[in-house]
Amino acid sequence: MFRFEVIIYWSNDDDAFIAEVPELQGCMADGKSYQEALANVEVIIREWIKTAKELGRPIPQPKGRLVFA
């Protein structure tokens, strides 16, 4: 189970829900439903972490709730 914050919103341009993980640069997925977007981003989080490890890049520690202003 991952503890990274996931932000999910509807995109009219994409006609889909978008799930973004702000703490993992470029980590996002989409889906036709909220649940599908969340399931897809969980796969992408695993792939993001796997790739970072293979490349020797640091993996940030989850910070929990982020505040954007």
PDB file of N, CA and C in Angstrom:
ATOM      1  N   MET A   1       0.837  -1.184   0.000  1.00  0.00           N
ATOM      2  CA  MET A   1       0.000   0.000   0.000  1.00  0.00           C
ATOM      3  C   MET A   1       0.877   1.240   0.000  1.00  0.00           C
ATOM      4  N   PHE A   2       0.516   2.178  -0.829  1.00  0.00           N
ATOM      5  CA  PHE A   2       1.276   3.414  -0.933  1.00  0.00           C
ATOM      6  C   PHE A   2       0.640   4.490  -0.078  1.00  0.00           C
ATOM      7  N   ARG A   3       1.452   5.411   0.384  1.00  0.00           N
ATOM      8  CA  ARG A   3       0.952   6.483   1.238  1.00  0.00           C
ATOM      9  C   ARG A   3       1.141   7.845   0.600  1.00  0.00           C
ATOM     10  N   PHE A   4       1.335   7.848  -0.697  1.00  0.00           N
ATOM     11  CA  PHE A   4       1.466   9.113  -1.412  1.00  0.00           C
ATOM     12  C   PHE A   4       0.088   9.726  -1.634  1.00  0.00           C
ATOM     13  N   GLU A   5       0.029  11.038  -1.571  1.00  0.00           N
ATOM     14  CA  GLU A   5      -1.221  11.721  -1.842  1.00  0.00           C
ATOM     15  C   GLU A   5      -1.574  11.564  -3.320  1.00  0.00           C
ATOM     16  N   VAL A   6      -2.834  11.277  -3.593  1.00  0.00           N
ATOM     17  CA  VAL A   6      -3.338  11.171  -4.960  1.00  0.00           C
ATOM     18  C   VAL A   6      -4.459  12.196  -5.110  1.00  0.00           C
ATOM     19  N   ILE A   7      -4.360  13.007  -6.141  1.00  0.00           N
ATOM     20  CA  ILE A   7      -5.396  13.993  -6.445  1.00  0.00           C
ATOM     21  C   ILE A   7      -6.128  13.511  -7.691  1.00  0.00           C
ATOM     22  N   ILE A   8      -7.446  13.381  -7.584  1.00  0.00           N
ATOM     23  CA  ILE A   8      -8.250  12.902  -8.710  1.00  0.00           C
ATOM     24  C   ILE A   8      -9.255  13.979  -9.089  1.00  0.00           C
ATOM     25  N   TYR A   9      -9.309  14.272 -10.385  1.00  0.00           N
ATOM     26  CA  TYR A   9     -10.238  15.294 -10.880  1.00  0.00           C
ATOM     27  C   TYR A   9     -10.718  14.919 -12.278  1.00  0.00           C
ATOM     28  N   TRP A  10     -11.827  15.515 -12.670  1.00  0.00           N
ATOM     29  CA  TRP A  10     -12.389  15.287 -13.997  1.00  0.00           C
ATOM     30  C   TRP A  10     -11.748  16.246 -14.997  1.00  0.00           C
ATOM     31  N   SER A  11     -11.378  15.739 -16.167  1.00  0.00           N
ATOM     32  CA  SER A  11     -10.823  16.559 -17.242  1.00  0.00           C
ATOM     33  C   SER A  11     -11.782  16.540 -18.430  1.00  0.00           C
ATOM     34  N   ASN A  12     -12.361  17.684 -18.731  1.00  0.00           N
ATOM     35  CA  ASN A  12     -13.217  17.783 -19.911  1.00  0.00           C
ATOM     36  C   ASN A  12     -12.418  17.563 -21.191  1.00  0.00           C
ATOM     37  N   ASP A  13     -11.178  18.052 -21.219  1.00  0.00           N
ATOM     38  CA  ASP A  13     -10.331  17.887 -22.406  1.00  0.00           C
ATOM     39  C   ASP A  13     -10.072  16.420 -22.724  1.00  0.00           C
ATOM     40  N   ASP A  14      -9.852  15.625 -21.674  1.00  0.00           N
ATOM     41  CA  ASP A  14      -9.552  14.206 -21.861  1.00  0.00           C
ATOM     42  C   ASP A  14     -10.788  13.320 -21.777  1.00  0.00           C
ATOM     43  N   ASP A  15     -11.898  13.894 -21.324  1.00  0.00           N
ATOM     44  CA  ASP A  15     -13.130  13.143 -21.112  1.00  0.00           C
ATOM     45  C   ASP A  15     -12.867  11.941 -20.210  1.00  0.00           C
ATOM     46  N   ALA A  16     -12.121  12.204 -19.130  1.00  0.00           N
ATOM     47  CA  ALA A  16     -11.731  11.139 -18.213  1.00  0.00           C
ATOM     48  C   ALA A  16     -11.363  11.740 -16.861  1.00  0.00           C
ATOM     49  N   PHE A  17     -11.323  10.867 -15.852  1.00  0.00           N
ATOM     50  CA  PHE A  17     -10.782  11.263 -14.553  1.00  0.00           C
ATOM     51  C   PHE A  17      -9.263  11.171 -14.637  1.00  0.00           C
ATOM     52  N   ILE A  18      -8.588  12.135 -14.044  1.00  0.00           N
ATOM     53  CA  ILE A  18      -7.132  12.164 -13.996  1.00  0.00           C
ATOM     54  C   ILE A  18      -6.707  11.982 -12.544  1.00  0.00           C
ATOM     55  N   ALA A  19      -5.755  11.088 -12.312  1.00  0.00           N
ATOM     56  CA  ALA A  19      -5.191  10.868 -10.982  1.00  0.00           C
ATOM     57  C   ALA A  19      -3.727  11.265 -11.020  1.00  0.00           C
ATOM     58  N   GLU A  20      -3.352  12.232 -10.190  1.00  0.00           N
ATOM     59  CA  GLU A  20      -1.973  12.715 -10.137  1.00  0.00           C
ATOM     60  C   GLU A  20      -1.375  12.437  -8.763  1.00  0.00           C
ATOM     61  N   VAL A  21      -0.073  12.173  -8.744  1.00  0.00           N
ATOM     62  CA  VAL A  21       0.672  11.964  -7.505  1.00  0.00           C
ATOM     63  C   VAL A  21       1.714  13.077  -7.434  1.00  0.00           C
ATOM     64  N   PRO A  22       1.405  14.184  -6.754  1.00  0.00           N
ATOM     65  CA  PRO A  22       2.289  15.354  -6.768  1.00  0.00           C
ATOM     66  C   PRO A  22       3.711  15.090  -6.271  1.00  0.00           C
ATOM     67  N   GLU A  23       3.871  14.147  -5.349  1.00  0.00           N
ATOM     68  CA  GLU A  23       5.201  13.883  -4.790  1.00  0.00           C
ATOM     69  C   GLU A  23       6.103  13.091  -5.732  1.00  0.00           C
ATOM     70  N   LEU A  24       5.531  12.471  -6.760  1.00  0.00           N
ATOM     71  CA  LEU A  24       6.305  11.689  -7.729  1.00  0.00           C
ATOM     72  C   LEU A  24       6.174  12.383  -9.079  1.00  0.00           C
ATOM     73  N   GLN A  25       7.182  13.137  -9.435  1.00  0.00           N
ATOM     74  CA  GLN A  25       7.131  13.964 -10.638  1.00  0.00           C
ATOM     75  C   GLN A  25       6.702  13.178 -11.870  1.00  0.00           C
ATOM     76  N   GLY A  26       5.651  13.672 -12.528  1.00  0.00           N
ATOM     77  CA  GLY A  26       5.172  13.062 -13.764  1.00  0.00           C
ATOM     78  C   GLY A  26       4.323  11.822 -13.563  1.00  0.00           C
ATOM     79  N   CYS A  27       4.030  11.464 -12.321  1.00  0.00           N
ATOM     80  CA  CYS A  27       3.269  10.244 -12.038  1.00  0.00           C
ATOM     81  C   CYS A  27       1.779  10.563 -12.093  1.00  0.00           C
ATOM     82  N   MET A  28       1.118  10.052 -13.120  1.00  0.00           N
ATOM     83  CA  MET A  28      -0.323  10.274 -13.283  1.00  0.00           C
ATOM     84  C   MET A  28      -0.908   9.192 -14.164  1.00  0.00           C
ATOM     85  N   ALA A  29      -2.228   9.055 -14.062  1.00  0.00           N
ATOM     86  CA  ALA A  29      -2.961   8.079 -14.867  1.00  0.00           C
ATOM     87  C   ALA A  29      -4.368   8.614 -15.075  1.00  0.00           C
ATOM     88  N   ASP A  30      -5.101   7.958 -15.960  1.00  0.00           N
ATOM     89  CA  ASP A  30      -6.483   8.374 -16.181  1.00  0.00           C
ATOM     90  C   ASP A  30      -7.389   7.162 -16.158  1.00  0.00           C
ATOM     91  N   GLY A  31      -8.698   7.432 -16.218  1.00  0.00           N
ATOM     92  CA  GLY A  31      -9.680   6.357 -16.239  1.00  0.00           C
ATOM     93  C   GLY A  31     -11.054   6.911 -16.541  1.00  0.00           C
ATOM     94  N   LYS A  32     -11.923   6.069 -17.044  1.00  0.00           N
ATOM     95  CA  LYS A  32     -13.297   6.488 -17.366  1.00  0.00           C
ATOM     96  C   LYS A  32     -14.125   6.712 -16.109  1.00  0.00           C
ATOM     97  N   SER A  33     -13.708   6.103 -14.991  1.00  0.00           N
ATOM     98  CA  SER A  33     -14.375   6.318 -13.714  1.00  0.00           C
ATOM     99  C   SER A  33     -13.324   6.708 -12.671  1.00  0.00           C
ATOM    100  N   TYR A  34     -13.809   7.233 -11.561  1.00  0.00           N
ATOM    101  CA  TYR A  34     -12.939   7.589 -10.440  1.00  0.00           C
ATOM    102  C   TYR A  34     -12.152   6.354  -9.993  1.00  0.00           C
ATOM    103  N   GLN A  35     -12.856   5.233  -9.837  1.00  0.00           N
ATOM    104  CA  GLN A  35     -12.232   4.005  -9.370  1.00  0.00           C
ATOM    105  C   GLN A  35     -11.182   3.491 -10.360  1.00  0.00           C
ATOM    106  N   GLU A  36     -11.474   3.608 -11.653  1.00  0.00           N
ATOM    107  CA  GLU A  36     -10.514   3.159 -12.664  1.00  0.00           C
ATOM    108  C   GLU A  36      -9.266   4.024 -12.644  1.00  0.00           C
ATOM    109  N   ALA A  37      -9.434   5.326 -12.499  1.00  0.00           N
ATOM    110  CA  ALA A  37      -8.276   6.225 -12.430  1.00  0.00           C
ATOM    111  C   ALA A  37      -7.411   5.888 -11.220  1.00  0.00           C
ATOM    112  N   LEU A  38      -8.045   5.617 -10.076  1.00  0.00           N
ATOM    113  CA  LEU A  38      -7.303   5.271  -8.873  1.00  0.00           C
ATOM    114  C   LEU A  38      -6.565   3.942  -9.052  1.00  0.00           C
ATOM    115  N   ALA A  39      -7.224   2.942  -9.601  1.00  0.00           N
ATOM    116  CA  ALA A  39      -6.577   1.643  -9.843  1.00  0.00           C
ATOM    117  C   ALA A  39      -5.403   1.798 -10.806  1.00  0.00           C
ATOM    118  N   ASN A  40      -5.583   2.596 -11.859  1.00  0.00           N
ATOM    119  CA  ASN A  40      -4.519   2.788 -12.845  1.00  0.00           C
ATOM    120  C   ASN A  40      -3.324   3.521 -12.241  1.00  0.00           C
ATOM    121  N   VAL A  41      -3.582   4.517 -11.393  1.00  0.00           N
ATOM    122  CA  VAL A  41      -2.459   5.258 -10.817  1.00  0.00           C
ATOM    123  C   VAL A  41      -1.691   4.396  -9.817  1.00  0.00           C
ATOM    124  N   GLU A  42      -2.353   3.438  -9.180  1.00  0.00           N
ATOM    125  CA  GLU A  42      -1.635   2.528  -8.291  1.00  0.00           C
ATOM    126  C   GLU A  42      -0.614   1.701  -9.078  1.00  0.00           C
ATOM    127  N   VAL A  43      -0.974   1.284 -10.279  1.00  0.00           N
ATOM    128  CA  VAL A  43      -0.039   0.561 -11.151  1.00  0.00           C
ATOM    129  C   VAL A  43       1.120   1.481 -11.534  1.00  0.00           C
ATOM    130  N   ILE A  44       0.804   2.711 -11.892  1.00  0.00           N
ATOM    131  CA  ILE A  44       1.835   3.664 -12.315  1.00  0.00           C
ATOM    132  C   ILE A  44       2.772   4.020 -11.170  1.00  0.00           C
ATOM    133  N   ILE A  45       2.254   4.109  -9.939  1.00  0.00           N
ATOM    134  CA  ILE A  45       3.124   4.369  -8.778  1.00  0.00           C
ATOM    135  C   ILE A  45       4.141   3.246  -8.645  1.00  0.00           C
ATOM    136  N   ARG A  46       3.683   1.996  -8.745  1.00  0.00           N
ATOM    137  CA  ARG A  46       4.616   0.862  -8.662  1.00  0.00           C
ATOM    138  C   ARG A  46       5.677   0.942  -9.750  1.00  0.00           C
ATOM    139  N   GLU A  47       5.252   1.263 -10.978  1.00  0.00           N
ATOM    140  CA  GLU A  47       6.206   1.367 -12.092  1.00  0.00           C
ATOM    141  C   GLU A  47       7.172   2.539 -11.889  1.00  0.00           C
ATOM    142  N   TRP A  48       6.668   3.656 -11.379  1.00  0.00           N
ATOM    143  CA  TRP A  48       7.504   4.835 -11.127  1.00  0.00           C
ATOM    144  C   TRP A  48       8.601   4.473 -10.133  1.00  0.00           C
ATOM    145  N   ILE A  49       8.208   3.815  -9.038  1.00  0.00           N
ATOM    146  CA  ILE A  49       9.179   3.437  -8.003  1.00  0.00           C
ATOM    147  C   ILE A  49      10.173   2.407  -8.541  1.00  0.00           C
ATOM    148  N   LYS A  50       9.690   1.422  -9.276  1.00  0.00           N
ATOM    149  CA  LYS A  50      10.572   0.404  -9.862  1.00  0.00           C
ATOM    150  C   LYS A  50      11.607   1.043 -10.785  1.00  0.00           C
ATOM    151  N   THR A  51      11.154   1.949 -11.634  1.00  0.00           N
ATOM    152  CA  THR A  51      12.066   2.622 -12.567  1.00  0.00           C
ATOM    153  C   THR A  51      13.079   3.484 -11.824  1.00  0.00           C
ATOM    154  N   ALA A  52      12.625   4.213 -10.807  1.00  0.00           N
ATOM    155  CA  ALA A  52      13.543   5.047 -10.023  1.00  0.00           C
ATOM    156  C   ALA A  52      14.625   4.186  -9.375  1.00  0.00           C
ATOM    157  N   LYS A  53      14.243   3.043  -8.832  1.00  0.00           N
ATOM    158  CA  LYS A  53      15.228   2.135  -8.216  1.00  0.00           C
ATOM    159  C   LYS A  53      16.225   1.637  -9.251  1.00  0.00           C
ATOM    160  N   GLU A  54      15.721   1.240 -10.425  1.00  0.00           N
ATOM    161  CA  GLU A  54      16.606   0.735 -11.482  1.00  0.00           C
ATOM    162  C   GLU A  54      17.606   1.794 -11.938  1.00  0.00           C
ATOM    163  N   LEU A  55      17.185   3.056 -11.927  1.00  0.00           N
ATOM    164  CA  LEU A  55      18.050   4.154 -12.366  1.00  0.00           C
ATOM    165  C   LEU A  55      18.876   4.746 -11.227  1.00  0.00           C
ATOM    166  N   GLY A  56      18.693   4.226 -10.027  1.00  0.00           N
ATOM    167  CA  GLY A  56      19.436   4.729  -8.874  1.00  0.00           C
ATOM    168  C   GLY A  56      18.988   6.105  -8.414  1.00  0.00           C
ATOM    169  N   ARG A  57      17.760   6.460  -8.728  1.00  0.00           N
ATOM    170  CA  ARG A  57      17.235   7.771  -8.339  1.00  0.00           C
ATOM    171  C   ARG A  57      16.555   7.680  -6.974  1.00  0.00           C
ATOM    172  N   PRO A  58      16.562   8.787  -6.237  1.00  0.00           N
ATOM    173  CA  PRO A  58      15.919   8.762  -4.922  1.00  0.00           C
ATOM    174  C   PRO A  58      14.395   8.657  -5.034  1.00  0.00           C
ATOM    175  N   ILE A  59      13.820   7.981  -4.066  1.00  0.00           N
ATOM    176  CA  ILE A  59      12.364   7.864  -3.986  1.00  0.00           C
ATOM    177  C   ILE A  59      11.930   8.679  -2.779  1.00  0.00           C
ATOM    178  N   PRO A  60      11.135   9.716  -3.002  1.00  0.00           N
ATOM    179  CA  PRO A  60      10.736  10.560  -1.870  1.00  0.00           C
ATOM    180  C   PRO A  60       9.888   9.797  -0.858  1.00  0.00           C
ATOM    181  N   GLN A  61      10.036  10.179   0.396  1.00  0.00           N
ATOM    182  CA  GLN A  61       9.189   9.618   1.440  1.00  0.00           C
ATOM    183  C   GLN A  61       7.829  10.317   1.358  1.00  0.00           C
ATOM    184  N   PRO A  62       6.746   9.575   1.494  1.00  0.00           N
ATOM    185  CA  PRO A  62       5.432  10.208   1.475  1.00  0.00           C
ATOM    186  C   PRO A  62       5.311  11.247   2.585  1.00  0.00           C
ATOM    187  N   LYS A  63       4.812  12.403   2.259  1.00  0.00           N
ATOM    188  CA  LYS A  63       4.657  13.466   3.234  1.00  0.00           C
ATOM    189  C   LYS A  63       3.232  13.558   3.756  1.00  0.00           C
ATOM    190  N   GLY A  64       2.346  12.814   3.133  1.00  0.00           N
ATOM    191  CA  GLY A  64       0.958  12.906   3.547  1.00  0.00           C
ATOM    192  C   GLY A  64       0.275  14.044   2.850  1.00  0.00           C
ATOM    193  N   ARG A  65      -0.623  14.682   3.533  1.00  0.00           N
ATOM    194  CA  ARG A  65      -1.422  15.749   2.930  1.00  0.00           C
ATOM    195  C   ARG A  65      -0.551  16.941   2.557  1.00  0.00           C
ATOM    196  N   LEU A  66      -0.649  17.326   1.292  1.00  0.00           N
ATOM    197  CA  LEU A  66       0.089  18.491   0.803  1.00  0.00           C
ATOM    198  C   LEU A  66      -0.847  19.689   0.771  1.00  0.00           C
ATOM    199  N   VAL A  67      -0.254  20.854   0.863  1.00  0.00           N
ATOM    200  CA  VAL A  67      -1.050  22.083   0.823  1.00  0.00           C
ATOM    201  C   VAL A  67      -0.579  22.900  -0.367  1.00  0.00           C
ATOM    202  N   PHE A  68      -1.530  23.232  -1.239  1.00  0.00           N
ATOM    203  CA  PHE A  68      -1.229  24.052  -2.406  1.00  0.00           C
ATOM    204  C   PHE A  68      -2.003  25.347  -2.282  1.00  0.00           C
ATOM    205  N   ALA A  69      -1.344  26.452  -2.568  1.00  0.00           N
ATOM    206  CA  ALA A  69      -2.037  27.752  -2.503  1.00  0.00           C
ATOM    207  C   ALA A  69      -1.862  28.489  -3.811  1.00  0.00           C
TER     208      ALA A  69
END
